[in-house]
Protein backbone atom coordinates (compact mmCIF):
# COMPACT_ATOMS: atom_id res chain seq x y z
CA MET A 1 1.11 8.02 -19.51
CA ASN A 2 4.11 6.81 -21.38
CA ASN A 3 6.94 4.84 -19.81
CA CYS A 4 9.32 7.83 -19.87
CA SER A 5 7.02 10.09 -17.86
CA LEU A 6 6.37 7.33 -15.33
CA THR A 7 10.11 6.74 -14.97
CA CYS A 8 10.74 10.49 -14.60
CA LEU A 9 8.06 10.70 -11.91
CA ALA A 10 9.54 7.75 -10.03
CA ASP A 11 13.00 9.31 -10.23
CA ARG A 12 11.75 12.60 -8.81
CA LEU A 13 9.92 10.86 -5.99
CA LYS A 14 13.06 8.90 -4.99
CA ARG A 15 14.44 12.08 -3.42
CA LEU A 16 11.65 12.03 -0.84
CA PRO A 17 11.43 9.84 2.25
CA ARG A 18 9.39 6.68 1.62
CA ARG A 19 6.36 7.83 3.63
CA HIS A 20 6.20 11.01 1.55
CA ARG A 21 6.50 9.06 -1.71
CA ILE A 22 3.58 6.90 -0.62
CA ALA A 23 1.51 9.96 0.34
CA HIS A 24 2.25 11.70 -2.97
CA LEU A 25 1.36 8.62 -4.99
CA ARG A 26 -1.93 8.27 -3.11
CA ALA A 27 -2.73 11.92 -3.79
CA LEU A 28 -1.87 11.59 -7.49
CA ILE A 29 -4.02 8.46 -7.78
CA GLY A 30 -6.94 10.31 -6.21
CA LEU A 31 -6.70 13.03 -8.85
CA GLN A 32 -7.03 10.58 -11.76
CA PRO A 33 -10.38 9.39 -13.18
CA GLU A 34 -11.33 5.79 -12.35
CA GLU A 35 -10.88 4.48 -15.90
CA CYS A 36 -7.57 6.25 -16.54
CA SER A 37 -4.54 4.10 -17.42
CA ARG A 38 -2.28 6.55 -15.59
CA ARG A 39 -4.16 5.72 -12.39
CA ASP A 40 -3.32 2.05 -12.91
CA GLU A 41 0.35 2.85 -13.47
CA LEU A 42 0.48 5.04 -10.38
CA SER A 43 -1.21 2.27 -8.41
CA ASP A 44 1.51 -0.13 -9.52
CA LEU A 45 4.16 2.31 -8.31
CA LEU A 46 2.33 2.62 -4.99
CA ARG A 47 2.22 -1.17 -4.61
CA GLN A 48 5.97 -1.36 -5.23
CA GLU A 49 6.62 1.33 -2.61
CA MET A 50 4.38 -0.45 -0.11
CA LEU A 51 6.20 -3.75 -0.72
CA HIS A 52 9.58 -2.08 -0.22
CA ALA A 53 8.29 -0.39 2.95
CA SER A 54 7.15 -3.71 4.43
CA ALA A 55 10.50 -5.32 3.57
CA ASP A 56 12.44 -2.65 5.51
């Protein structure tokens, strides 16, 4: 997954409430194979969302 598609995905998810963004990221991660680099990038996005959620 290139940086542009990851940024586009993050931008689209920003329209959703945080709990929905987290749920969507978890679902997307579950669809990816274990060794996939996209899974790692989605996991990073999920970690960022979880950190922001705990800060609120």
